[in-house]
């Protein structure tokens, strides 16, 4: 996800040490999960959709990793035929 697309500002202040950066990123992720949980509990039913968007629970890297594994698996199955 591009930094401009992030829901909260990224904490990349050059004056922060690694510990502080990790704490801020951890807090940002907890805020995101809390916001997503609120959405599911309060707005999700109003949308009339049947599944939770996977982007709510997975990072972009996790989504890409999962999709590449599925692609690798599907290609290996096709090779047998």
PDB file of N, CA and C in Angstrom:
ATOM      1  N   UNK A   1       0.853  -1.162   0.000  1.00  0.00           N
ATOM      2  CA  UNK A   1       0.000   0.000   0.000  1.00  0.00           C
ATOM      3  C   UNK A   1       0.905   1.232   0.000  1.00  0.00           C
ATOM      4  N   UNK A   2       0.591   2.150  -0.839  1.00  0.00           N
ATOM      5  CA  UNK A   2       1.343   3.383  -0.921  1.00  0.00           C
ATOM      6  C   UNK A   2       1.158   4.182   0.366  1.00  0.00           C
ATOM      7  N   UNK A   3       2.177   4.953   0.759  1.00  0.00           N
ATOM      8  CA  UNK A   3       2.067   5.700   2.014  1.00  0.00           C
ATOM      9  C   UNK A   3       0.908   6.683   2.000  1.00  0.00           C
ATOM     10  N   UNK A   4       0.559   7.217   0.829  1.00  0.00           N
ATOM     11  CA  UNK A   4      -0.573   8.146   0.762  1.00  0.00           C
ATOM     12  C   UNK A   4      -1.913   7.433   0.947  1.00  0.00           C
ATOM     13  N   UNK A   5      -1.937   6.101   0.751  1.00  0.00           N
ATOM     14  CA  UNK A   5      -3.161   5.325   0.914  1.00  0.00           C
ATOM     15  C   UNK A   5      -3.333   4.787   2.330  1.00  0.00           C
ATOM     16  N   UNK A   6      -2.329   4.966   3.177  1.00  0.00           N
ATOM     17  CA  UNK A   6      -2.409   4.469   4.544  1.00  0.00           C
ATOM     18  C   UNK A   6      -3.507   5.205   5.303  1.00  0.00           C
ATOM     19  N   UNK A   7      -4.281   4.496   6.113  1.00  0.00           N
ATOM     20  CA  UNK A   7      -5.342   5.149   6.881  1.00  0.00           C
ATOM     21  C   UNK A   7      -4.803   6.097   7.953  1.00  0.00           C
ATOM     22  N   UNK A   8      -3.640   5.799   8.481  1.00  0.00           N
ATOM     23  CA  UNK A   8      -3.001   6.669   9.458  1.00  0.00           C
ATOM     24  C   UNK A   8      -1.628   7.030   8.917  1.00  0.00           C
ATOM     25  N   UNK A   9      -1.089   8.162   9.332  1.00  0.00           N
ATOM     26  CA  UNK A   9       0.251   8.508   8.851  1.00  0.00           C
ATOM     27  C   UNK A   9       1.285   7.490   9.320  1.00  0.00           C
ATOM     28  N   UNK A  10       2.193   7.167   8.456  1.00  0.00           N
ATOM     29  CA  UNK A  10       3.268   6.261   8.839  1.00  0.00           C
ATOM     30  C   UNK A  10       4.231   6.985   9.764  1.00  0.00           C
ATOM     31  N   UNK A  11       4.802   6.261  10.681  1.00  0.00           N
ATOM     32  CA  UNK A  11       5.732   6.882  11.624  1.00  0.00           C
ATOM     33  C   UNK A  11       7.155   6.641  11.130  1.00  0.00           C
ATOM     34  N   UNK A  12       7.653   7.553  10.351  1.00  0.00           N
ATOM     35  CA  UNK A  12       8.996   7.419   9.794  1.00  0.00           C
ATOM     36  C   UNK A  12       9.867   8.617  10.161  1.00  0.00           C
ATOM     37  N   UNK A  13       9.633   9.179  11.317  1.00  0.00           N
ATOM     38  CA  UNK A  13      10.424  10.317  11.764  1.00  0.00           C
ATOM     39  C   UNK A  13      11.873   9.868  11.945  1.00  0.00           C
ATOM     40  N   UNK A  14      12.818  10.526  11.272  1.00  0.00           N
ATOM     41  CA  UNK A  14      14.217  10.100  11.368  1.00  0.00           C
ATOM     42  C   UNK A  14      14.804  10.243  12.772  1.00  0.00           C
ATOM     43  N   UNK A  15      14.166  11.015  13.626  1.00  0.00           N
ATOM     44  CA  UNK A  15      14.691  11.207  14.979  1.00  0.00           C
ATOM     45  C   UNK A  15      14.244  10.106  15.940  1.00  0.00           C
ATOM     46  N   UNK A  16      13.365   9.235  15.500  1.00  0.00           N
ATOM     47  CA  UNK A  16      12.910   8.149  16.366  1.00  0.00           C
ATOM     48  C   UNK A  16      13.853   6.960  16.244  1.00  0.00           C
ATOM     49  N   UNK A  17      14.085   6.291  17.354  1.00  0.00           N
ATOM     50  CA  UNK A  17      14.909   5.084  17.291  1.00  0.00           C
ATOM     51  C   UNK A  17      14.028   3.887  16.916  1.00  0.00           C
ATOM     52  N   UNK A  18      14.647   2.745  16.716  1.00  0.00           N
ATOM     53  CA  UNK A  18      13.909   1.554  16.275  1.00  0.00           C
ATOM     54  C   UNK A  18      12.822   1.148  17.265  1.00  0.00           C
ATOM     55  N   UNK A  19      13.123   1.234  18.546  1.00  0.00           N
ATOM     56  CA  UNK A  19      12.138   0.863  19.559  1.00  0.00           C
ATOM     57  C   UNK A  19      10.894   1.739  19.449  1.00  0.00           C
ATOM     58  N   UNK A  20      11.103   3.052  19.333  1.00  0.00           N
ATOM     59  CA  UNK A  20       9.974   3.980  19.224  1.00  0.00           C
ATOM     60  C   UNK A  20       9.195   3.750  17.932  1.00  0.00           C
ATOM     61  N   UNK A  21       9.905   3.507  16.840  1.00  0.00           N
ATOM     62  CA  UNK A  21       9.229   3.233  15.568  1.00  0.00           C
ATOM     63  C   UNK A  21       8.382   1.973  15.660  1.00  0.00           C
ATOM     64  N   UNK A  22       8.940   0.931  16.279  1.00  0.00           N
ATOM     65  CA  UNK A  22       8.190  -0.317  16.424  1.00  0.00           C
ATOM     66  C   UNK A  22       6.957  -0.126  17.292  1.00  0.00           C
ATOM     67  N   UNK A  23       7.095   0.634  18.369  1.00  0.00           N
ATOM     68  CA  UNK A  23       5.948   0.896  19.239  1.00  0.00           C
ATOM     69  C   UNK A  23       4.861   1.665  18.493  1.00  0.00           C
ATOM     70  N   UNK A  24       5.256   2.678  17.717  1.00  0.00           N
ATOM     71  CA  UNK A  24       4.274   3.457  16.966  1.00  0.00           C
ATOM     72  C   UNK A  24       3.597   2.620  15.889  1.00  0.00           C
ATOM     73  N   UNK A  25       4.360   1.788  15.205  1.00  0.00           N
ATOM     74  CA  UNK A  25       3.758   0.927  14.184  1.00  0.00           C
ATOM     75  C   UNK A  25       2.827  -0.100  14.810  1.00  0.00           C
ATOM     76  N   UNK A  26       3.207  -0.615  15.975  1.00  0.00           N
ATOM     77  CA  UNK A  26       2.340  -1.548  16.689  1.00  0.00           C
ATOM     78  C   UNK A  26       1.033  -0.870  17.089  1.00  0.00           C
ATOM     79  N   UNK A  27       1.132   0.356  17.584  1.00  0.00           N
ATOM     80  CA  UNK A  27      -0.064   1.117  17.948  1.00  0.00           C
ATOM     81  C   UNK A  27      -0.937   1.372  16.723  1.00  0.00           C
ATOM     82  N   UNK A  28      -0.327   1.726  15.603  1.00  0.00           N
ATOM     83  CA  UNK A  28      -1.080   1.978  14.373  1.00  0.00           C
ATOM     84  C   UNK A  28      -1.836   0.724  13.937  1.00  0.00           C
ATOM     85  N   UNK A  29      -1.180  -0.433  14.020  1.00  0.00           N
ATOM     86  CA  UNK A  29      -1.848  -1.683  13.647  1.00  0.00           C
ATOM     87  C   UNK A  29      -2.996  -2.010  14.595  1.00  0.00           C
ATOM     88  N   UNK A  30      -2.821  -1.740  15.884  1.00  0.00           N
ATOM     89  CA  UNK A  30      -3.901  -1.990  16.842  1.00  0.00           C
ATOM     90  C   UNK A  30      -5.083  -1.060  16.590  1.00  0.00           C
ATOM     91  N   UNK A  31      -4.797   0.192  16.246  1.00  0.00           N
ATOM     92  CA  UNK A  31      -5.871   1.135  15.910  1.00  0.00           C
ATOM     93  C   UNK A  31      -6.629   0.644  14.687  1.00  0.00           C
ATOM     94  N   UNK A  32      -5.903   0.155  13.682  1.00  0.00           N
ATOM     95  CA  UNK A  32      -6.544  -0.349  12.465  1.00  0.00           C
ATOM     96  C   UNK A  32      -7.453  -1.537  12.783  1.00  0.00           C
ATOM     97  N   UNK A  33      -6.952  -2.485  13.567  1.00  0.00           N
ATOM     98  CA  UNK A  33      -7.774  -3.650  13.904  1.00  0.00           C
ATOM     99  C   UNK A  33      -9.001  -3.243  14.705  1.00  0.00           C
ATOM    100  N   UNK A  34      -8.834  -2.282  15.600  1.00  0.00           N
ATOM    101  CA  UNK A  34      -9.966  -1.796  16.381  1.00  0.00           C
ATOM    102  C   UNK A  34     -10.995  -1.127  15.471  1.00  0.00           C
ATOM    103  N   UNK A  35     -10.521  -0.341  14.520  1.00  0.00           N
ATOM    104  CA  UNK A  35     -11.420   0.314  13.570  1.00  0.00           C
ATOM    105  C   UNK A  35     -12.144  -0.729  12.716  1.00  0.00           C
ATOM    106  N   UNK A  36     -11.422  -1.751  12.265  1.00  0.00           N
ATOM    107  CA  UNK A  36     -12.042  -2.806  11.469  1.00  0.00           C
ATOM    108  C   UNK A  36     -13.083  -3.571  12.279  1.00  0.00           C
ATOM    109  N   UNK A  37     -12.770  -3.852  13.539  1.00  0.00           N
ATOM    110  CA  UNK A  37     -13.719  -4.557  14.406  1.00  0.00           C
ATOM    111  C   UNK A  37     -14.991  -3.723  14.580  1.00  0.00           C
ATOM    112  N   UNK A  38     -14.817  -2.415  14.792  1.00  0.00           N
ATOM    113  CA  UNK A  38     -15.973  -1.535  14.924  1.00  0.00           C
ATOM    114  C   UNK A  38     -16.813  -1.579  13.650  1.00  0.00           C
ATOM    115  N   UNK A  39     -16.168  -1.544  12.494  1.00  0.00           N
ATOM    116  CA  UNK A  39     -16.894  -1.577  11.233  1.00  0.00           C
ATOM    117  C   UNK A  39     -17.716  -2.858  11.113  1.00  0.00           C
ATOM    118  N   UNK A  40     -17.097  -3.982  11.428  1.00  0.00           N
ATOM    119  CA  UNK A  40     -17.800  -5.263  11.328  1.00  0.00           C
ATOM    120  C   UNK A  40     -18.989  -5.299  12.286  1.00  0.00           C
ATOM    121  N   UNK A  41     -18.799  -4.788  13.489  1.00  0.00           N
ATOM    122  CA  UNK A  41     -19.869  -4.838  14.485  1.00  0.00           C
ATOM    123  C   UNK A  41     -20.984  -3.837  14.217  1.00  0.00           C
ATOM    124  N   UNK A  42     -20.689  -2.708  13.558  1.00  0.00           N
ATOM    125  CA  UNK A  42     -21.672  -1.638  13.427  1.00  0.00           C
ATOM    126  C   UNK A  42     -22.174  -1.365  12.016  1.00  0.00           C
ATOM    127  N   UNK A  43     -21.396  -1.631  11.006  1.00  0.00           N
ATOM    128  CA  UNK A  43     -21.786  -1.258   9.643  1.00  0.00           C
ATOM    129  C   UNK A  43     -21.882  -2.417   8.668  1.00  0.00           C
ATOM    130  N   UNK A  44     -21.235  -3.503   8.981  1.00  0.00           N
ATOM    131  CA  UNK A  44     -21.119  -4.611   8.037  1.00  0.00           C
ATOM    132  C   UNK A  44     -22.475  -5.147   7.582  1.00  0.00           C
ATOM    133  N   UNK A  45     -23.401  -5.351   8.500  1.00  0.00           N
ATOM    134  CA  UNK A  45     -24.705  -5.923   8.153  1.00  0.00           C
ATOM    135  C   UNK A  45     -25.504  -5.021   7.225  1.00  0.00           C
ATOM    136  N   UNK A  46     -25.291  -3.723   7.310  1.00  0.00           N
ATOM    137  CA  UNK A  46     -26.027  -2.780   6.461  1.00  0.00           C
ATOM    138  C   UNK A  46     -25.612  -2.858   4.999  1.00  0.00           C
ATOM    139  N   UNK A  47     -24.448  -3.448   4.718  1.00  0.00           N
ATOM    140  CA  UNK A  47     -23.940  -3.470   3.345  1.00  0.00           C
ATOM    141  C   UNK A  47     -24.562  -4.576   2.497  1.00  0.00           C
ATOM    142  N   UNK A  48     -25.095  -5.594   3.132  1.00  0.00           N
ATOM    143  CA  UNK A  48     -25.720  -6.678   2.387  1.00  0.00           C
ATOM    144  C   UNK A  48     -24.731  -7.541   1.632  1.00  0.00           C
ATOM    145  N   UNK A  49     -23.506  -7.678   2.137  1.00  0.00           N
ATOM    146  CA  UNK A  49     -22.530  -8.567   1.516  1.00  0.00           C
ATOM    147  C   UNK A  49     -22.350  -9.786   2.405  1.00  0.00           C
ATOM    148  N   UNK A  50     -21.854 -10.867   1.818  1.00  0.00           N
ATOM    149  CA  UNK A  50     -21.805 -12.124   2.555  1.00  0.00           C
ATOM    150  C   UNK A  50     -20.434 -12.475   3.114  1.00  0.00           C
ATOM    151  N   UNK A  51     -19.395 -11.777   2.699  1.00  0.00           N
ATOM    152  CA  UNK A  51     -18.061 -12.117   3.180  1.00  0.00           C
ATOM    153  C   UNK A  51     -17.354 -10.877   3.699  1.00  0.00           C
ATOM    154  N   UNK A  52     -16.372 -11.097   4.530  1.00  0.00           N
ATOM    155  CA  UNK A  52     -15.541 -10.005   5.030  1.00  0.00           C
ATOM    156  C   UNK A  52     -14.419  -9.786   4.025  1.00  0.00           C
ATOM    157  N   UNK A  53     -14.216  -8.566   3.573  1.00  0.00           N
ATOM    158  CA  UNK A  53     -13.103  -8.332   2.643  1.00  0.00           C
ATOM    159  C   UNK A  53     -11.788  -8.753   3.279  1.00  0.00           C
ATOM    160  N   UNK A  54     -10.999  -9.541   2.540  1.00  0.00           N
ATOM    161  CA  UNK A  54      -9.771 -10.052   3.134  1.00  0.00           C
ATOM    162  C   UNK A  54      -8.790  -8.941   3.475  1.00  0.00           C
ATOM    163  N   UNK A  55      -8.909  -7.795   2.832  1.00  0.00           N
ATOM    164  CA  UNK A  55      -7.979  -6.703   3.131  1.00  0.00           C
ATOM    165  C   UNK A  55      -8.191  -6.156   4.536  1.00  0.00           C
ATOM    166  N   UNK A  56      -9.314  -6.463   5.172  1.00  0.00           N
ATOM    167  CA  UNK A  56      -9.523  -6.015   6.549  1.00  0.00           C
ATOM    168  C   UNK A  56      -8.567  -6.715   7.496  1.00  0.00           C
ATOM    169  N   UNK A  57      -8.256  -7.951   7.205  1.00  0.00           N
ATOM    170  CA  UNK A  57      -7.504  -8.747   8.163  1.00  0.00           C
ATOM    171  C   UNK A  57      -6.085  -9.048   7.724  1.00  0.00           C
ATOM    172  N   UNK A  58      -5.767  -8.863   6.457  1.00  0.00           N
ATOM    173  CA  UNK A  58      -4.444  -9.191   5.947  1.00  0.00           C
ATOM    174  C   UNK A  58      -3.733  -7.956   5.432  1.00  0.00           C
ATOM    175  N   UNK A  59      -2.431  -7.929   5.615  1.00  0.00           N
ATOM    176  CA  UNK A  59      -1.642  -6.851   5.020  1.00  0.00           C
ATOM    177  C   UNK A  59      -1.515  -7.126   3.520  1.00  0.00           C
ATOM    178  N   UNK A  60      -1.069  -6.140   2.778  1.00  0.00           N
ATOM    179  CA  UNK A  60      -0.904  -6.318   1.336  1.00  0.00           C
ATOM    180  C   UNK A  60       0.098  -7.432   1.040  1.00  0.00           C
ATOM    181  N   UNK A  61       1.163  -7.526   1.837  1.00  0.00           N
ATOM    182  CA  UNK A  61       2.156  -8.582   1.637  1.00  0.00           C
ATOM    183  C   UNK A  61       1.535  -9.962   1.864  1.00  0.00           C
ATOM    184  N   UNK A  62       0.702 -10.080   2.893  1.00  0.00           N
ATOM    185  CA  UNK A  62       0.050 -11.360   3.169  1.00  0.00           C
ATOM    186  C   UNK A  62      -0.916 -11.737   2.052  1.00  0.00           C
ATOM    187  N   UNK A  63      -1.625 -10.755   1.512  1.00  0.00           N
ATOM    188  CA  UNK A  63      -2.537 -11.023   0.399  1.00  0.00           C
ATOM    189  C   UNK A  63      -1.748 -11.499  -0.809  1.00  0.00           C
ATOM    190  N   UNK A  64      -0.665 -10.796  -1.138  1.00  0.00           N
ATOM    191  CA  UNK A  64       0.155 -11.177  -2.288  1.00  0.00           C
ATOM    192  C   UNK A  64       0.778 -12.546  -2.096  1.00  0.00           C
ATOM    193  N   UNK A  65       1.248 -12.837  -0.881  1.00  0.00           N
ATOM    194  CA  UNK A  65       1.848 -14.133  -0.599  1.00  0.00           C
ATOM    195  C   UNK A  65       0.821 -15.253  -0.770  1.00  0.00           C
ATOM    196  N   UNK A  66      -0.372 -15.035  -0.246  1.00  0.00           N
ATOM    197  CA  UNK A  66      -1.420 -16.044  -0.356  1.00  0.00           C
ATOM    198  C   UNK A  66      -1.802 -16.280  -1.818  1.00  0.00           C
ATOM    199  N   UNK A  67      -1.940 -15.202  -2.587  1.00  0.00           N
ATOM    200  CA  UNK A  67      -2.310 -15.338  -3.991  1.00  0.00           C
ATOM    201  C   UNK A  67      -1.212 -16.019  -4.793  1.00  0.00           C
ATOM    202  N   UNK A  68       0.060 -15.738  -4.485  1.00  0.00           N
ATOM    203  CA  UNK A  68       1.147 -16.387  -5.218  1.00  0.00           C
ATOM    204  C   UNK A  68       1.193 -17.872  -4.894  1.00  0.00           C
ATOM    205  N   UNK A  69       0.897 -18.242  -3.643  1.00  0.00           N
ATOM    206  CA  UNK A  69       0.853 -19.661  -3.295  1.00  0.00           C
ATOM    207  C   UNK A  69      -0.278 -20.352  -4.044  1.00  0.00           C
ATOM    208  N   UNK A  70      -1.419 -19.691  -4.156  1.00  0.00           N
ATOM    209  CA  UNK A  70      -2.529 -20.280  -4.903  1.00  0.00           C
ATOM    210  C   UNK A  70      -2.161 -20.429  -6.366  1.00  0.00           C
ATOM    211  N   UNK A  71      -1.485 -19.438  -6.930  1.00  0.00           N
ATOM    212  CA  UNK A  71      -1.064 -19.522  -8.328  1.00  0.00           C
ATOM    213  C   UNK A  71      -0.088 -20.671  -8.530  1.00  0.00           C
ATOM    214  N   UNK A  72       0.880 -20.815  -7.624  1.00  0.00           N
ATOM    215  CA  UNK A  72       1.846 -21.902  -7.735  1.00  0.00           C
ATOM    216  C   UNK A  72       1.142 -23.248  -7.653  1.00  0.00           C
ATOM    217  N   UNK A  73       0.203 -23.366  -6.749  1.00  0.00           N
ATOM    218  CA  UNK A  73      -0.515 -24.625  -6.589  1.00  0.00           C
ATOM    219  C   UNK A  73      -1.331 -24.935  -7.836  1.00  0.00           C
ATOM    220  N   UNK A  74      -2.054 -23.957  -8.334  1.00  0.00           N
ATOM    221  CA  UNK A  74      -2.904 -24.211  -9.491  1.00  0.00           C
ATOM    222  C   UNK A  74      -2.066 -24.556 -10.714  1.00  0.00           C
ATOM    223  N   UNK A  75      -0.891 -23.946 -10.850  1.00  0.00           N
ATOM    224  CA  UNK A  75      -0.028 -24.265 -11.985  1.00  0.00           C
ATOM    225  C   UNK A  75       0.523 -25.683 -11.867  1.00  0.00           C
ATOM    226  N   UNK A  76       0.890 -26.102 -10.664  1.00  0.00           N
ATOM    227  CA  UNK A  76       1.435 -27.445 -10.503  1.00  0.00           C
ATOM    228  C   UNK A  76       0.373 -28.504 -10.784  1.00  0.00           C
ATOM    229  N   UNK A  77      -0.863 -28.219 -10.445  1.00  0.00           N
ATOM    230  CA  UNK A  77      -1.944 -29.162 -10.727  1.00  0.00           C
ATOM    231  C   UNK A  77      -2.155 -29.274 -12.230  1.00  0.00           C
ATOM    232  N   UNK A  78      -2.102 -28.168 -12.930  1.00  0.00           N
ATOM    233  CA  UNK A  78      -2.313 -28.185 -14.373  1.00  0.00           C
ATOM    234  C   UNK A  78      -1.207 -28.924 -15.114  1.00  0.00           C
ATOM    235  N   UNK A  79       0.008 -28.936 -14.571  1.00  0.00           N
ATOM    236  CA  UNK A  79       1.116 -29.614 -15.236  1.00  0.00           C
ATOM    237  C   UNK A  79       0.869 -31.112 -15.351  1.00  0.00           C
ATOM    238  N   UNK A  80       0.126 -31.690 -14.423  1.00  0.00           N
ATOM    239  CA  UNK A  80      -0.142 -33.127 -14.456  1.00  0.00           C
ATOM    240  C   UNK A  80      -1.062 -33.521 -15.606  1.00  0.00           C
ATOM    241  N   UNK A  81      -1.790 -32.555 -16.141  1.00  0.00           N
ATOM    242  CA  UNK A  81      -2.739 -32.873 -17.200  1.00  0.00           C
ATOM    243  C   UNK A  81      -2.180 -32.411 -18.480  1.00  0.00           C
TER     244      UNK A  81
END
